[in-house]
Amino acid sequence: MQTIQSNRWAPWWVYVLVIAPANLGKQELLPGDASWWLVAVSTATIVALGIAAVTAVYRASTPVRTSETR
């Protein structure tokens, strides 16, 4: 039996809907005079966690098709 994973990634706009508000929240939490490396690390962390969360939820909610190969 072969597992066929179609649509492994969510549509691009789902990632935007998750990452953009998270980034706005980060801007509210960080002080205005935060150093560049803190901003870079926090932005990279938010993007990575956002992508991982959206992808995990999307893959868990999308059915996996199987086909038998002979």
PDB file of N, CA and C in Angstrom:
ATOM      1  N   MET A   1       0.834  -1.170   0.000  1.00  0.00           N
ATOM      2  CA  MET A   1       0.000   0.000   0.000  1.00  0.00           C
ATOM      3  C   MET A   1       0.884   1.240   0.000  1.00  0.00           C
ATOM      4  N   GLN A   2       0.557   2.168  -0.854  1.00  0.00           N
ATOM      5  CA  GLN A   2       1.337   3.388  -0.970  1.00  0.00           C
ATOM      6  C   GLN A   2       0.515   4.559  -0.444  1.00  0.00           C
ATOM      7  N   THR A   3       1.121   5.372   0.381  1.00  0.00           N
ATOM      8  CA  THR A   3       0.441   6.551   0.906  1.00  0.00           C
ATOM      9  C   THR A   3       0.740   7.725  -0.006  1.00  0.00           C
ATOM     10  N   ILE A   4      -0.308   8.386  -0.436  1.00  0.00           N
ATOM     11  CA  ILE A   4      -0.163   9.540  -1.307  1.00  0.00           C
ATOM     12  C   ILE A   4      -0.540  10.776  -0.497  1.00  0.00           C
ATOM     13  N   GLN A   5       0.419  11.633  -0.281  1.00  0.00           N
ATOM     14  CA  GLN A   5       0.161  12.866   0.470  1.00  0.00           C
ATOM     15  C   GLN A   5      -0.014  13.986  -0.534  1.00  0.00           C
ATOM     16  N   SER A   6      -1.234  14.421  -0.725  1.00  0.00           N
ATOM     17  CA  SER A   6      -1.468  15.535  -1.632  1.00  0.00           C
ATOM     18  C   SER A   6      -1.681  16.801  -0.811  1.00  0.00           C
ATOM     19  N   ASN A   7      -1.301  17.899  -1.389  1.00  0.00           N
ATOM     20  CA  ASN A   7      -1.443  19.191  -0.722  1.00  0.00           C
ATOM     21  C   ASN A   7      -0.773  19.187   0.653  1.00  0.00           C
ATOM     22  N   ARG A   8       0.520  19.008   0.672  1.00  0.00           N
ATOM     23  CA  ARG A   8       1.265  18.953   1.937  1.00  0.00           C
ATOM     24  C   ARG A   8       1.327  20.313   2.619  1.00  0.00           C
ATOM     25  N   TRP A   9       1.135  21.374   1.878  1.00  0.00           N
ATOM     26  CA  TRP A   9       1.234  22.726   2.429  1.00  0.00           C
ATOM     27  C   TRP A   9      -0.111  23.427   2.329  1.00  0.00           C
ATOM     28  N   ALA A  10      -0.406  24.223   3.325  1.00  0.00           N
ATOM     29  CA  ALA A  10      -1.631  25.025   3.319  1.00  0.00           C
ATOM     30  C   ALA A  10      -1.480  26.139   2.276  1.00  0.00           C
ATOM     31  N   PRO A  11      -2.592  26.727   1.851  1.00  0.00           N
ATOM     32  CA  PRO A  11      -2.481  27.873   0.942  1.00  0.00           C
ATOM     33  C   PRO A  11      -1.688  29.013   1.592  1.00  0.00           C
ATOM     34  N   TRP A  12      -1.038  29.806   0.776  1.00  0.00           N
ATOM     35  CA  TRP A  12      -0.146  30.847   1.284  1.00  0.00           C
ATOM     36  C   TRP A  12      -0.853  31.818   2.199  1.00  0.00           C
ATOM     37  N   TRP A  13      -2.113  32.129   1.929  1.00  0.00           N
ATOM     38  CA  TRP A  13      -2.809  33.137   2.711  1.00  0.00           C
ATOM     39  C   TRP A  13      -3.087  32.670   4.146  1.00  0.00           C
ATOM     40  N   VAL A  14      -3.121  31.366   4.394  1.00  0.00           N
ATOM     41  CA  VAL A  14      -3.312  30.868   5.758  1.00  0.00           C
ATOM     42  C   VAL A  14      -2.084  31.206   6.601  1.00  0.00           C
ATOM     43  N   TYR A  15      -0.912  31.061   6.014  1.00  0.00           N
ATOM     44  CA  TYR A  15       0.317  31.415   6.727  1.00  0.00           C
ATOM     45  C   TYR A  15       0.339  32.918   7.038  1.00  0.00           C
ATOM     46  N   VAL A  16      -0.106  33.729   6.097  1.00  0.00           N
ATOM     47  CA  VAL A  16      -0.142  35.179   6.311  1.00  0.00           C
ATOM     48  C   VAL A  16      -1.104  35.523   7.441  1.00  0.00           C
ATOM     49  N   LEU A  17      -2.267  34.858   7.468  1.00  0.00           N
ATOM     50  CA  LEU A  17      -3.257  35.125   8.518  1.00  0.00           C
ATOM     51  C   LEU A  17      -2.742  34.777   9.911  1.00  0.00           C
ATOM     52  N   VAL A  18      -1.795  33.867  10.011  1.00  0.00           N
ATOM     53  CA  VAL A  18      -1.232  33.489  11.314  1.00  0.00           C
ATOM     54  C   VAL A  18      -0.005  34.337  11.653  1.00  0.00           C
ATOM     55  N   ILE A  19       0.892  34.519  10.701  1.00  0.00           N
ATOM     56  CA  ILE A  19       2.166  35.186  10.983  1.00  0.00           C
ATOM     57  C   ILE A  19       2.012  36.698  11.137  1.00  0.00           C
ATOM     58  N   ALA A  20       1.180  37.337  10.327  1.00  0.00           N
ATOM     59  CA  ALA A  20       1.057  38.801  10.397  1.00  0.00           C
ATOM     60  C   ALA A  20       0.561  39.287  11.763  1.00  0.00           C
ATOM     61  N   PRO A  21      -0.532  38.738  12.318  1.00  0.00           N
ATOM     62  CA  PRO A  21      -0.940  39.198  13.658  1.00  0.00           C
ATOM     63  C   PRO A  21       0.087  38.865  14.735  1.00  0.00           C
ATOM     64  N   ALA A  22       0.757  37.721  14.600  1.00  0.00           N
ATOM     65  CA  ALA A  22       1.796  37.376  15.577  1.00  0.00           C
ATOM     66  C   ALA A  22       2.933  38.385  15.527  1.00  0.00           C
ATOM     67  N   ASN A  23       3.284  38.833  14.337  1.00  0.00           N
ATOM     68  CA  ASN A  23       4.344  39.830  14.196  1.00  0.00           C
ATOM     69  C   ASN A  23       3.904  41.166  14.780  1.00  0.00           C
ATOM     70  N   LEU A  24       2.647  41.546  14.590  1.00  0.00           N
ATOM     71  CA  LEU A  24       2.149  42.783  15.182  1.00  0.00           C
ATOM     72  C   LEU A  24       2.178  42.707  16.714  1.00  0.00           C
ATOM     73  N   GLY A  25       1.833  41.547  17.252  1.00  0.00           N
ATOM     74  CA  GLY A  25       1.908  41.356  18.691  1.00  0.00           C
ATOM     75  C   GLY A  25       3.330  41.456  19.206  1.00  0.00           C
ATOM     76  N   LYS A  26       4.270  40.918  18.431  1.00  0.00           N
ATOM     77  CA  LYS A  26       5.694  41.012  18.805  1.00  0.00           C
ATOM     78  C   LYS A  26       6.128  42.464  18.844  1.00  0.00           C
ATOM     79  N   GLN A  27       5.677  43.256  17.898  1.00  0.00           N
ATOM     80  CA  GLN A  27       6.055  44.670  17.865  1.00  0.00           C
ATOM     81  C   GLN A  27       5.514  45.426  19.075  1.00  0.00           C
ATOM     82  N   GLU A  28       4.369  45.007  19.576  1.00  0.00           N
ATOM     83  CA  GLU A  28       3.810  45.648  20.766  1.00  0.00           C
ATOM     84  C   GLU A  28       4.575  45.242  22.028  1.00  0.00           C
ATOM     85  N   LEU A  29       5.077  44.018  22.053  1.00  0.00           N
ATOM     86  CA  LEU A  29       5.757  43.517  23.244  1.00  0.00           C
ATOM     87  C   LEU A  29       7.203  43.979  23.359  1.00  0.00           C
ATOM     88  N   LEU A  30       7.884  44.065  22.224  1.00  0.00           N
ATOM     89  CA  LEU A  30       9.296  44.478  22.258  1.00  0.00           C
ATOM     90  C   LEU A  30       9.405  45.989  22.440  1.00  0.00           C
ATOM     91  N   PRO A  31      10.379  46.435  23.177  1.00  0.00           N
ATOM     92  CA  PRO A  31      10.575  47.888  23.308  1.00  0.00           C
ATOM     93  C   PRO A  31      11.034  48.490  21.980  1.00  0.00           C
ATOM     94  N   GLY A  32      10.766  49.763  21.809  1.00  0.00           N
ATOM     95  CA  GLY A  32      11.120  50.437  20.558  1.00  0.00           C
ATOM     96  C   GLY A  32      12.605  50.502  20.287  1.00  0.00           C
ATOM     97  N   ASP A  33      13.400  50.436  21.342  1.00  0.00           N
ATOM     98  CA  ASP A  33      14.847  50.528  21.160  1.00  0.00           C
ATOM     99  C   ASP A  33      15.525  49.153  21.268  1.00  0.00           C
ATOM    100  N   ALA A  34      14.801  48.101  20.939  1.00  0.00           N
ATOM    101  CA  ALA A  34      15.370  46.752  20.992  1.00  0.00           C
ATOM    102  C   ALA A  34      16.483  46.625  19.954  1.00  0.00           C
ATOM    103  N   SER A  35      17.498  45.861  20.291  1.00  0.00           N
ATOM    104  CA  SER A  35      18.629  45.705  19.370  1.00  0.00           C
ATOM    105  C   SER A  35      18.206  44.882  18.151  1.00  0.00           C
ATOM    106  N   TRP A  36      18.955  45.045  17.090  1.00  0.00           N
ATOM    107  CA  TRP A  36      18.599  44.420  15.820  1.00  0.00           C
ATOM    108  C   TRP A  36      18.605  42.908  15.929  1.00  0.00           C
ATOM    109  N   TRP A  37      19.505  42.322  16.707  1.00  0.00           N
ATOM    110  CA  TRP A  37      19.589  40.867  16.796  1.00  0.00           C
ATOM    111  C   TRP A  37      18.392  40.301  17.551  1.00  0.00           C
ATOM    112  N   LEU A  38      17.875  41.038  18.532  1.00  0.00           N
ATOM    113  CA  LEU A  38      16.688  40.582  19.248  1.00  0.00           C
ATOM    114  C   LEU A  38      15.467  40.591  18.331  1.00  0.00           C
ATOM    115  N   VAL A  39      15.355  41.625  17.533  1.00  0.00           N
ATOM    116  CA  VAL A  39      14.253  41.710  16.573  1.00  0.00           C
ATOM    117  C   VAL A  39      14.376  40.594  15.536  1.00  0.00           C
ATOM    118  N   ALA A  40      15.581  40.353  15.039  1.00  0.00           N
ATOM    119  CA  ALA A  40      15.790  39.310  14.027  1.00  0.00           C
ATOM    120  C   ALA A  40      15.483  37.921  14.584  1.00  0.00           C
ATOM    121  N   VAL A  41      15.962  37.638  15.784  1.00  0.00           N
ATOM    122  CA  VAL A  41      15.726  36.322  16.382  1.00  0.00           C
ATOM    123  C   VAL A  41      14.251  36.121  16.699  1.00  0.00           C
ATOM    124  N   SER A  42      13.599  37.137  17.247  1.00  0.00           N
ATOM    125  CA  SER A  42      12.185  36.989  17.579  1.00  0.00           C
ATOM    126  C   SER A  42      11.330  36.865  16.322  1.00  0.00           C
ATOM    127  N   THR A  43      11.660  37.578  15.266  1.00  0.00           N
ATOM    128  CA  THR A  43      10.917  37.464  14.004  1.00  0.00           C
ATOM    129  C   THR A  43      11.106  36.084  13.394  1.00  0.00           C
ATOM    130  N   ALA A  44      12.328  35.599  13.371  1.00  0.00           N
ATOM    131  CA  ALA A  44      12.589  34.260  12.825  1.00  0.00           C
ATOM    132  C   ALA A  44      11.866  33.190  13.639  1.00  0.00           C
ATOM    133  N   THR A  45      11.819  33.353  14.946  1.00  0.00           N
ATOM    134  CA  THR A  45      11.125  32.392  15.802  1.00  0.00           C
ATOM    135  C   THR A  45       9.633  32.404  15.542  1.00  0.00           C
ATOM    136  N   ILE A  46       9.048  33.584  15.419  1.00  0.00           N
ATOM    137  CA  ILE A  46       7.612  33.687  15.145  1.00  0.00           C
ATOM    138  C   ILE A  46       7.268  33.070  13.798  1.00  0.00           C
ATOM    139  N   VAL A  47       8.071  33.349  12.784  1.00  0.00           N
ATOM    140  CA  VAL A  47       7.810  32.789  11.455  1.00  0.00           C
ATOM    141  C   VAL A  47       7.935  31.261  11.480  1.00  0.00           C
ATOM    142  N   ALA A  48       8.981  30.748  12.114  1.00  0.00           N
ATOM    143  CA  ALA A  48       9.178  29.290  12.169  1.00  0.00           C
ATOM    144  C   ALA A  48       8.051  28.606  12.934  1.00  0.00           C
ATOM    145  N   LEU A  49       7.672  29.158  14.082  1.00  0.00           N
ATOM    146  CA  LEU A  49       6.581  28.565  14.851  1.00  0.00           C
ATOM    147  C   LEU A  49       5.245  28.677  14.118  1.00  0.00           C
ATOM    148  N   GLY A  50       5.029  29.785  13.430  1.00  0.00           N
ATOM    149  CA  GLY A  50       3.799  29.956  12.654  1.00  0.00           C
ATOM    150  C   GLY A  50       3.703  28.955  11.521  1.00  0.00           C
ATOM    151  N   ILE A  51       4.796  28.772  10.799  1.00  0.00           N
ATOM    152  CA  ILE A  51       4.807  27.803   9.695  1.00  0.00           C
ATOM    153  C   ILE A  51       4.596  26.391  10.226  1.00  0.00           C
ATOM    154  N   ALA A  52       5.276  26.053  11.313  1.00  0.00           N
ATOM    155  CA  ALA A  52       5.133  24.707  11.886  1.00  0.00           C
ATOM    156  C   ALA A  52       3.702  24.459  12.370  1.00  0.00           C
ATOM    157  N   ALA A  53       3.111  25.444  13.029  1.00  0.00           N
ATOM    158  CA  ALA A  53       1.759  25.272  13.555  1.00  0.00           C
ATOM    159  C   ALA A  53       0.728  25.134  12.437  1.00  0.00           C
ATOM    160  N   VAL A  54       0.800  26.011  11.440  1.00  0.00           N
ATOM    161  CA  VAL A  54      -0.165  25.954  10.336  1.00  0.00           C
ATOM    162  C   VAL A  54      -0.018  24.647   9.573  1.00  0.00           C
ATOM    163  N   THR A  55       1.215  24.247   9.304  1.00  0.00           N
ATOM    164  CA  THR A  55       1.445  23.013   8.559  1.00  0.00           C
ATOM    165  C   THR A  55       0.965  21.798   9.336  1.00  0.00           C
ATOM    166  N   ALA A  56       1.222  21.757  10.638  1.00  0.00           N
ATOM    167  CA  ALA A  56       0.779  20.620  11.447  1.00  0.00           C
ATOM    168  C   ALA A  56      -0.739  20.518  11.485  1.00  0.00           C
ATOM    169  N   VAL A  57      -1.412  21.639  11.682  1.00  0.00           N
ATOM    170  CA  VAL A  57      -2.882  21.626  11.720  1.00  0.00           C
ATOM    171  C   VAL A  57      -3.439  21.263  10.349  1.00  0.00           C
ATOM    172  N   TYR A  58      -2.858  21.805   9.294  1.00  0.00           N
ATOM    173  CA  TYR A  58      -3.348  21.526   7.939  1.00  0.00           C
ATOM    174  C   TYR A  58      -3.169  20.054   7.578  1.00  0.00           C
ATOM    175  N   ARG A  59      -2.012  19.503   7.886  1.00  0.00           N
ATOM    176  CA  ARG A  59      -1.771  18.092   7.568  1.00  0.00           C
ATOM    177  C   ARG A  59      -2.630  17.165   8.415  1.00  0.00           C
ATOM    178  N   ALA A  60      -2.911  17.550   9.651  1.00  0.00           N
ATOM    179  CA  ALA A  60      -3.755  16.724  10.516  1.00  0.00           C
ATOM    180  C   ALA A  60      -5.213  16.768  10.068  1.00  0.00           C
ATOM    181  N   SER A  61      -5.629  17.855   9.459  1.00  0.00           N
ATOM    182  CA  SER A  61      -7.029  17.988   9.061  1.00  0.00           C
ATOM    183  C   SER A  61      -7.286  17.577   7.619  1.00  0.00           C
ATOM    184  N   THR A  62      -6.232  17.362   6.838  1.00  0.00           N
ATOM    185  CA  THR A  62      -6.377  16.947   5.444  1.00  0.00           C
ATOM    186  C   THR A  62      -6.298  15.429   5.365  1.00  0.00           C
ATOM    187  N   PRO A  63      -7.297  14.784   4.753  1.00  0.00           N
ATOM    188  CA  PRO A  63      -7.249  13.321   4.666  1.00  0.00           C
ATOM    189  C   PRO A  63      -6.097  12.832   3.784  1.00  0.00           C
ATOM    190  N   VAL A  64      -5.550  11.711   4.153  1.00  0.00           N
ATOM    191  CA  VAL A  64      -4.467  11.084   3.397  1.00  0.00           C
ATOM    192  C   VAL A  64      -5.078   9.989   2.528  1.00  0.00           C
ATOM    193  N   ARG A  65      -4.792  10.046   1.250  1.00  0.00           N
ATOM    194  CA  ARG A  65      -5.293   9.021   0.338  1.00  0.00           C
ATOM    195  C   ARG A  65      -4.298   7.884   0.254  1.00  0.00           C
ATOM    196  N   THR A  66      -4.776   6.682   0.160  1.00  0.00           N
ATOM    197  CA  THR A  66      -3.901   5.518  -0.022  1.00  0.00           C
ATOM    198  C   THR A  66      -4.321   4.781  -1.280  1.00  0.00           C
ATOM    199  N   SER A  67      -3.363   4.158  -1.915  1.00  0.00           N
ATOM    200  CA  SER A  67      -3.650   3.345  -3.080  1.00  0.00           C
ATOM    201  C   SER A  67      -2.800   2.084  -2.976  1.00  0.00           C
ATOM    202  N   GLU A  68      -3.352   1.007  -3.424  1.00  0.00           N
ATOM    203  CA  GLU A  68      -2.614  -0.258  -3.391  1.00  0.00           C
ATOM    204  C   GLU A  68      -1.855  -0.419  -4.696  1.00  0.00           C
ATOM    205  N   THR A  69      -0.581  -0.706  -4.592  1.00  0.00           N
ATOM    206  CA  THR A  69       0.225  -0.952  -5.770  1.00  0.00           C
ATOM    207  C   THR A  69       0.548  -2.443  -5.822  1.00  0.00           C
ATOM    208  N   ARG A  70       0.525  -2.968  -6.977  1.00  0.00           N
ATOM    209  CA  ARG A  70       0.803  -4.407  -7.130  1.00  0.00           C
ATOM    210  C   ARG A  70       1.974  -4.633  -8.017  1.00  0.00           C
TER     211      ARG A  70
END
